[in-house]
PDB file of N, CA and C in Angstrom:
ATOM      1  N   MET A   1     -24.614  12.884  55.614  1.00  0.00           N
ATOM      2  CA  MET A   1     -25.105  11.950  56.530  1.00  0.00           C
ATOM      3  C   MET A   1     -23.945  11.080  56.572  1.00  0.00           C
ATOM      4  N   ALA A   2     -24.386  10.726  58.036  1.00  0.00           N
ATOM      5  CA  ALA A   2     -22.922   9.062  58.664  1.00  0.00           C
ATOM      6  C   ALA A   2     -22.918   7.976  57.984  1.00  0.00           C
ATOM      7  N   ALA A   3     -21.601   7.069  57.705  1.00  0.00           N
ATOM      8  CA  ALA A   3     -21.717   6.691  57.095  1.00  0.00           C
ATOM      9  C   ALA A   3     -22.283   5.172  58.605  1.00  0.00           C
ATOM     10  N   GLN A   4     -23.409   4.601  57.700  1.00  0.00           N
ATOM     11  CA  GLN A   4     -23.927   3.142  57.708  1.00  0.00           C
ATOM     12  C   GLN A   4     -22.614   2.220  58.446  1.00  0.00           C
ATOM     13  N   LYS A   5     -22.690   1.437  59.774  1.00  0.00           N
ATOM     14  CA  LYS A   5     -21.934   0.603  60.037  1.00  0.00           C
ATOM     15  C   LYS A   5     -21.688  -1.021  60.587  1.00  0.00           C
ATOM     16  N   ASN A   6     -23.566  -0.560  61.077  1.00  0.00           N
ATOM     17  CA  ASN A   6     -23.411  -2.150  61.035  1.00  0.00           C
ATOM     18  C   ASN A   6     -25.425  -2.285  60.371  1.00  0.00           C
ATOM     19  N   ILE A   7     -24.874  -2.609  59.259  1.00  0.00           N
ATOM     20  CA  ILE A   7     -25.455  -2.774  58.056  1.00  0.00           C
ATOM     21  C   ILE A   7     -26.578  -3.979  58.376  1.00  0.00           C
ATOM     22  N   THR A   8     -27.277  -4.406  58.288  1.00  0.00           N
ATOM     23  CA  THR A   8     -28.566  -5.691  58.735  1.00  0.00           C
ATOM     24  C   THR A   8     -29.135  -6.153  57.649  1.00  0.00           C
ATOM     25  N   GLU A   9     -29.830  -6.915  56.705  1.00  0.00           N
ATOM     26  CA  GLU A   9     -30.340  -7.749  56.388  1.00  0.00           C
ATOM     27  C   GLU A   9     -32.564  -8.484  56.687  1.00  0.00           C
ATOM     28  N   SER A  10     -32.986  -7.754  56.995  1.00  0.00           N
ATOM     29  CA  SER A  10     -33.977  -8.000  57.166  1.00  0.00           C
ATOM     30  C   SER A  10     -35.122  -8.762  56.704  1.00  0.00           C
ATOM     31  N   VAL A  11     -35.828  -9.951  56.643  1.00  0.00           N
ATOM     32  CA  VAL A  11     -36.904 -10.280  55.397  1.00  0.00           C
ATOM     33  C   VAL A  11     -37.500 -11.389  55.364  1.00  0.00           C
ATOM     34  N   TYR A  12     -39.251 -10.083  55.541  1.00  0.00           N
ATOM     35  CA  TYR A  12     -40.081 -10.062  57.070  1.00  0.00           C
ATOM     36  C   TYR A  12     -41.141 -10.671  56.149  1.00  0.00           C
ATOM     37  N   ARG A  13     -42.026 -11.679  55.933  1.00  0.00           N
ATOM     38  CA  ARG A  13     -43.155 -12.824  54.834  1.00  0.00           C
ATOM     39  C   ARG A  13     -44.059 -11.586  55.874  1.00  0.00           C
ATOM     40  N   VAL A  14     -44.965 -11.340  54.340  1.00  0.00           N
ATOM     41  CA  VAL A  14     -45.691 -10.125  55.090  1.00  0.00           C
ATOM     42  C   VAL A  14     -47.671 -10.190  54.482  1.00  0.00           C
ATOM     43  N   GLY A  15     -48.109 -10.428  55.026  1.00  0.00           N
ATOM     44  CA  GLY A  15     -49.905 -10.478  54.472  1.00  0.00           C
ATOM     45  C   GLY A  15     -50.615  -9.356  53.987  1.00  0.00           C
ATOM     46  N   GLY A  16     -51.671  -9.939  53.308  1.00  0.00           N
ATOM     47  CA  GLY A  16     -51.747  -8.606  52.866  1.00  0.00           C
ATOM     48  C   GLY A  16     -51.563  -7.712  51.876  1.00  0.00           C
ATOM     49  N   LEU A  17     -50.344  -8.768  51.358  1.00  0.00           N
ATOM     50  CA  LEU A  17     -49.967  -7.832  49.946  1.00  0.00           C
ATOM     51  C   LEU A  17     -51.043  -8.083  48.712  1.00  0.00           C
ATOM     52  N   LYS A  18     -51.538  -6.447  48.395  1.00  0.00           N
ATOM     53  CA  LYS A  18     -52.540  -7.095  46.989  1.00  0.00           C
ATOM     54  C   LYS A  18     -52.048  -6.148  45.605  1.00  0.00           C
ATOM     55  N   GLY A  19     -51.683  -5.881  45.956  1.00  0.00           N
ATOM     56  CA  GLY A  19     -51.078  -5.165  43.856  1.00  0.00           C
ATOM     57  C   GLY A  19     -50.152  -4.077  44.549  1.00  0.00           C
ATOM     58  N   ASP A  20     -49.921  -3.367  42.816  1.00  0.00           N
ATOM     59  CA  ASP A  20     -48.329  -2.687  43.382  1.00  0.00           C
ATOM     60  C   ASP A  20     -49.208  -1.439  44.202  1.00  0.00           C
ATOM     61  N   HIS A  21     -50.451  -0.765  44.218  1.00  0.00           N
ATOM     62  CA  HIS A  21     -50.195  -0.063  45.648  1.00  0.00           C
ATOM     63  C   HIS A  21     -49.673  -0.217  46.643  1.00  0.00           C
ATOM     64  N   CYS A  22     -49.793  -2.157  47.473  1.00  0.00           N
ATOM     65  CA  CYS A  22     -49.096  -2.056  48.567  1.00  0.00           C
ATOM     66  C   CYS A  22     -47.954  -2.484  47.989  1.00  0.00           C
ATOM     67  N   ARG A  23     -46.511  -2.661  46.749  1.00  0.00           N
ATOM     68  CA  ARG A  23     -45.891  -2.666  47.197  1.00  0.00           C
ATOM     69  C   ARG A  23     -45.362  -1.048  47.568  1.00  0.00           C
ATOM     70  N   ASP A  24     -46.165  -0.512  46.279  1.00  0.00           N
ATOM     71  CA  ASP A  24     -45.230   1.435  46.745  1.00  0.00           C
ATOM     72  C   ASP A  24     -45.333   1.762  47.973  1.00  0.00           C
ATOM     73  N   ARG A  25     -46.753   2.297  48.275  1.00  0.00           N
ATOM     74  CA  ARG A  25     -46.944   2.196  50.467  1.00  0.00           C
ATOM     75  C   ARG A  25     -45.359   1.879  51.362  1.00  0.00           C
ATOM     76  N   ILE A  26     -45.148   0.665  50.270  1.00  0.00           N
ATOM     77  CA  ILE A  26     -44.481  -0.159  51.633  1.00  0.00           C
ATOM     78  C   ILE A  26     -42.990   0.956  51.637  1.00  0.00           C
ATOM     79  N   GLU A  27     -42.877   0.598  50.252  1.00  0.00           N
ATOM     80  CA  GLU A  27     -41.937   1.197  49.342  1.00  0.00           C
ATOM     81  C   GLU A  27     -41.458   2.423  50.125  1.00  0.00           C
ATOM     82  N   HIS A  28     -42.058   2.969  49.630  1.00  0.00           N
ATOM     83  CA  HIS A  28     -42.024   4.726  49.257  1.00  0.00           C
ATOM     84  C   HIS A  28     -41.620   5.041  52.189  1.00  0.00           C
ATOM     85  N   THR A  29     -42.649   3.757  52.333  1.00  0.00           N
ATOM     86  CA  THR A  29     -42.093   4.750  53.744  1.00  0.00           C
ATOM     87  C   THR A  29     -41.562   3.745  54.832  1.00  0.00           C
ATOM     88  N   LEU A  30     -40.782   2.296  54.063  1.00  0.00           N
ATOM     89  CA  LEU A  30     -39.992   2.360  54.693  1.00  0.00           C
ATOM     90  C   LEU A  30     -38.650   3.215  54.776  1.00  0.00           C
ATOM     91  N   SER A  31     -38.639   2.804  53.295  1.00  0.00           N
ATOM     92  CA  SER A  31     -37.509   3.303  53.488  1.00  0.00           C
ATOM     93  C   SER A  31     -37.552   5.688  53.251  1.00  0.00           C
ATOM     94  N   HIS A  32     -38.577   6.052  54.378  1.00  0.00           N
ATOM     95  CA  HIS A  32     -38.695   7.022  54.248  1.00  0.00           C
ATOM     96  C   HIS A  32     -37.646   6.853  56.332  1.00  0.00           C
ATOM     97  N   LEU A  33     -37.912   6.150  56.707  1.00  0.00           N
ATOM     98  CA  LEU A  33     -37.070   5.529  57.389  1.00  0.00           C
ATOM     99  C   LEU A  33     -35.753   5.899  57.909  1.00  0.00           C
ATOM    100  N   TYR A  34     -35.046   6.018  59.161  1.00  0.00           N
ATOM    101  CA  TYR A  34     -33.980   6.844  59.132  1.00  0.00           C
ATOM    102  C   TYR A  34     -33.221   5.674  59.803  1.00  0.00           C
ATOM    103  N   GLY A  35     -32.258   5.634  59.365  1.00  0.00           N
ATOM    104  CA  GLY A  35     -30.940   3.884  59.227  1.00  0.00           C
ATOM    105  C   GLY A  35     -31.011   3.024  57.505  1.00  0.00           C
ATOM    106  N   VAL A  36     -32.566   3.178  57.297  1.00  0.00           N
ATOM    107  CA  VAL A  36     -33.070   1.684  56.827  1.00  0.00           C
ATOM    108  C   VAL A  36     -31.955   2.483  54.923  1.00  0.00           C
ATOM    109  N   SER A  37     -31.416   2.069  54.151  1.00  0.00           N
ATOM    110  CA  SER A  37     -30.767   2.040  52.974  1.00  0.00           C
ATOM    111  C   SER A  37     -31.252   1.818  51.823  1.00  0.00           C
ATOM    112  N   SER A  38     -32.087  -0.131  52.269  1.00  0.00           N
ATOM    113  CA  SER A  38     -33.293  -0.086  50.434  1.00  0.00           C
ATOM    114  C   SER A  38     -34.858  -0.776  50.867  1.00  0.00           C
ATOM    115  N   VAL A  39     -35.351  -0.918  50.727  1.00  0.00           N
ATOM    116  CA  VAL A  39     -35.776  -1.490  50.615  1.00  0.00           C
ATOM    117  C   VAL A  39     -36.585  -2.163  49.462  1.00  0.00           C
ATOM    118  N   LYS A  40     -37.308  -3.982  49.020  1.00  0.00           N
ATOM    119  CA  LYS A  40     -37.312  -4.593  48.615  1.00  0.00           C
ATOM    120  C   LYS A  40     -38.896  -5.500  48.900  1.00  0.00           C
ATOM    121  N   VAL A  41     -39.886  -5.147  47.437  1.00  0.00           N
ATOM    122  CA  VAL A  41     -40.883  -6.355  47.673  1.00  0.00           C
ATOM    123  C   VAL A  41     -41.232  -6.901  47.347  1.00  0.00           C
ATOM    124  N   ASP A  42     -40.711  -8.524  47.629  1.00  0.00           N
ATOM    125  CA  ASP A  42     -41.390  -9.696  46.396  1.00  0.00           C
ATOM    126  C   ASP A  42     -42.430  -9.833  46.228  1.00  0.00           C
ATOM    127  N   MET A  43     -43.307  -9.150  46.227  1.00  0.00           N
ATOM    128  CA  MET A  43     -44.724  -9.653  45.648  1.00  0.00           C
ATOM    129  C   MET A  43     -45.359 -11.236  45.574  1.00  0.00           C
ATOM    130  N   ALA A  44     -44.854 -11.788  44.560  1.00  0.00           N
ATOM    131  CA  ALA A  44     -44.555 -13.500  44.376  1.00  0.00           C
ATOM    132  C   ALA A  44     -44.632 -14.823  45.611  1.00  0.00           C
ATOM    133  N   SER A  45     -43.317 -14.205  46.000  1.00  0.00           N
ATOM    134  CA  SER A  45     -43.021 -14.531  47.753  1.00  0.00           C
ATOM    135  C   SER A  45     -43.712 -14.092  48.849  1.00  0.00           C
ATOM    136  N   GLN A  46     -44.658 -12.264  48.320  1.00  0.00           N
ATOM    137  CA  GLN A  46     -45.035 -11.800  50.334  1.00  0.00           C
ATOM    138  C   GLN A  46     -43.844 -11.709  51.018  1.00  0.00           C
ATOM    139  N   GLN A  47     -42.948 -11.601  49.782  1.00  0.00           N
ATOM    140  CA  GLN A  47     -41.703 -10.885  51.025  1.00  0.00           C
ATOM    141  C   GLN A  47     -41.491  -9.262  51.515  1.00  0.00           C
ATOM    142  N   VAL A  48     -40.737  -9.052  52.158  1.00  0.00           N
ATOM    143  CA  VAL A  48     -39.879  -7.433  52.160  1.00  0.00           C
ATOM    144  C   VAL A  48     -39.208  -7.687  52.562  1.00  0.00           C
ATOM    145  N   VAL A  49     -37.767  -7.420  52.468  1.00  0.00           N
ATOM    146  CA  VAL A  49     -36.573  -6.926  52.674  1.00  0.00           C
ATOM    147  C   VAL A  49     -35.926  -6.100  52.655  1.00  0.00           C
ATOM    148  N   VAL A  50     -35.499  -5.939  53.825  1.00  0.00           N
ATOM    149  CA  VAL A  50     -35.092  -4.315  54.167  1.00  0.00           C
ATOM    150  C   VAL A  50     -33.561  -4.756  54.718  1.00  0.00           C
ATOM    151  N   SER A  51     -32.763  -3.060  54.648  1.00  0.00           N
ATOM    152  CA  SER A  51     -31.693  -3.664  54.583  1.00  0.00           C
ATOM    153  C   SER A  51     -31.606  -2.151  55.135  1.00  0.00           C
ATOM    154  N   HIS A  52     -31.355  -2.070  56.526  1.00  0.00           N
ATOM    155  CA  HIS A  52     -30.625  -1.066  57.424  1.00  0.00           C
ATOM    156  C   HIS A  52     -29.736  -1.584  58.345  1.00  0.00           C
ATOM    157  N   ASP A  53     -29.249   0.026  59.764  1.00  0.00           N
ATOM    158  CA  ASP A  53     -27.994  -0.117  60.401  1.00  0.00           C
ATOM    159  C   ASP A  53     -28.684  -0.136  61.690  1.00  0.00           C
ATOM    160  N   GLU A  54     -29.461  -1.421  62.089  1.00  0.00           N
ATOM    161  CA  GLU A  54     -29.426  -2.094  63.322  1.00  0.00           C
ATOM    162  C   GLU A  54     -29.176  -1.605  64.298  1.00  0.00           C
ATOM    163  N   THR A  55     -28.260  -0.100  64.485  1.00  0.00           N
ATOM    164  CA  THR A  55     -28.188   0.719  65.773  1.00  0.00           C
ATOM    165  C   THR A  55     -28.785   1.941  65.697  1.00  0.00           C
ATOM    166  N   VAL A  56     -29.476   1.805  64.455  1.00  0.00           N
ATOM    167  CA  VAL A  56     -29.819   3.645  64.420  1.00  0.00           C
ATOM    168  C   VAL A  56     -32.221   2.709  64.650  1.00  0.00           C
ATOM    169  N   ASN A  57     -32.372   1.416  63.789  1.00  0.00           N
ATOM    170  CA  ASN A  57     -33.644   0.536  63.654  1.00  0.00           C
ATOM    171  C   ASN A  57     -32.693  -0.589  63.552  1.00  0.00           C
ATOM    172  N   SER A  58     -34.269  -0.801  64.861  1.00  0.00           N
ATOM    173  CA  SER A  58     -34.240  -2.494  64.872  1.00  0.00           C
ATOM    174  C   SER A  58     -35.307  -2.924  64.267  1.00  0.00           C
ATOM    175  N   SER A  59     -34.803  -4.596  64.178  1.00  0.00           N
ATOM    176  CA  SER A  59     -36.122  -5.177  62.818  1.00  0.00           C
ATOM    177  C   SER A  59     -37.467  -5.443  63.933  1.00  0.00           C
ATOM    178  N   GLY A  60     -37.751  -4.796  64.696  1.00  0.00           N
ATOM    179  CA  GLY A  60     -38.466  -5.426  65.890  1.00  0.00           C
ATOM    180  C   GLY A  60     -39.553  -3.220  65.185  1.00  0.00           C
ATOM    181  N   TYR A  61     -38.896  -2.352  65.172  1.00  0.00           N
ATOM    182  CA  TYR A  61     -39.910  -1.069  64.858  1.00  0.00           C
ATOM    183  C   TYR A  61     -40.342  -0.927  63.582  1.00  0.00           C
ATOM    184  N   ILE A  62     -39.035  -1.977  62.589  1.00  0.00           N
ATOM    185  CA  ILE A  62     -39.727  -2.185  61.132  1.00  0.00           C
ATOM    186  C   ILE A  62     -41.625  -3.225  60.997  1.00  0.00           C
ATOM    187  N   GLU A  63     -41.012  -4.731  61.650  1.00  0.00           N
ATOM    188  CA  GLU A  63     -42.007  -4.681  62.205  1.00  0.00           C
ATOM    189  C   GLU A  63     -43.411  -4.108  62.288  1.00  0.00           C
ATOM    190  N   GLU A  64     -43.122  -2.994  63.790  1.00  0.00           N
ATOM    191  CA  GLU A  64     -44.569  -2.611  64.313  1.00  0.00           C
ATOM    192  C   GLU A  64     -44.561  -2.030  62.698  1.00  0.00           C
ATOM    193  N   THR A  65     -44.379  -1.013  62.013  1.00  0.00           N
ATOM    194  CA  THR A  65     -44.123  -0.209  61.075  1.00  0.00           C
ATOM    195  C   THR A  65     -45.154  -1.043  60.160  1.00  0.00           C
ATOM    196  N   LEU A  66     -44.833  -1.539  59.287  1.00  0.00           N
ATOM    197  CA  LEU A  66     -45.136  -2.565  58.545  1.00  0.00           C
ATOM    198  C   LEU A  66     -46.922  -3.188  59.508  1.00  0.00           C
ATOM    199  N   GLN A  67     -46.561  -3.397  60.331  1.00  0.00           N
ATOM    200  CA  GLN A  67     -48.356  -3.602  60.996  1.00  0.00           C
ATOM    201  C   GLN A  67     -49.590  -2.830  61.212  1.00  0.00           C
ATOM    202  N   SER A  68     -48.229  -1.344  61.783  1.00  0.00           N
ATOM    203  CA  SER A  68     -49.324  -0.075  61.756  1.00  0.00           C
ATOM    204  C   SER A  68     -49.851   0.600  59.877  1.00  0.00           C
ATOM    205  N   LEU A  69     -49.864  -0.099  58.731  1.00  0.00           N
ATOM    206  CA  LEU A  69     -49.337  -0.104  57.858  1.00  0.00           C
ATOM    207  C   LEU A  69     -50.285  -0.855  57.361  1.00  0.00           C
ATOM    208  N   GLY A  70     -51.117  -1.479  57.630  1.00  0.00           N
ATOM    209  CA  GLY A  70     -52.580  -2.832  58.062  1.00  0.00           C
ATOM    210  C   GLY A  70     -51.482  -3.690  57.425  1.00  0.00           C
ATOM    211  N   TYR A  71     -50.263  -4.589  57.739  1.00  0.00           N
ATOM    212  CA  TYR A  71     -50.138  -5.605  57.113  1.00  0.00           C
ATOM    213  C   TYR A  71     -49.197  -6.532  58.301  1.00  0.00           C
ATOM    214  N   SER A  72     -49.904  -8.197  58.110  1.00  0.00           N
ATOM    215  CA  SER A  72     -49.752  -9.058  58.860  1.00  0.00           C
ATOM    216  C   SER A  72     -48.407  -9.521  58.379  1.00  0.00           C
ATOM    217  N   VAL A  73     -47.783  -9.289  59.274  1.00  0.00           N
ATOM    218  CA  VAL A  73     -45.555 -10.089  59.699  1.00  0.00           C
ATOM    219  C   VAL A  73     -46.114 -11.314  60.545  1.00  0.00           C
ATOM    220  N   GLN A  74     -45.848 -12.186  59.392  1.00  0.00           N
ATOM    221  CA  GLN A  74     -45.624 -14.020  59.664  1.00  0.00           C
ATOM    222  C   GLN A  74     -44.463 -13.945  60.220  1.00  0.00           C
ATOM    223  N   GLU A  75     -43.998 -15.006  60.962  1.00  0.00           N
ATOM    224  CA  GLU A  75     -43.122 -15.768  61.160  1.00  0.00           C
ATOM    225  C   GLU A  75     -42.921 -16.826  60.440  1.00  0.00           C
TER     226      GLU A  75
END
């Protein structure tokens, strides 16, 4: 795999997180997106932190993926 050069850390406030199954689902789905190097879900703060290559997966695409899983993304 080629080295990722444009790593960006994006933080999303996510509504609808209800338990470990939500955390596991988000981490599993986002970690399988090409260009994503890490995913951390903080249940206490209702935040998802994603490190990704911005040239491969934009923040908007990750936000759309979270919404497709049924979570609301808040500004």
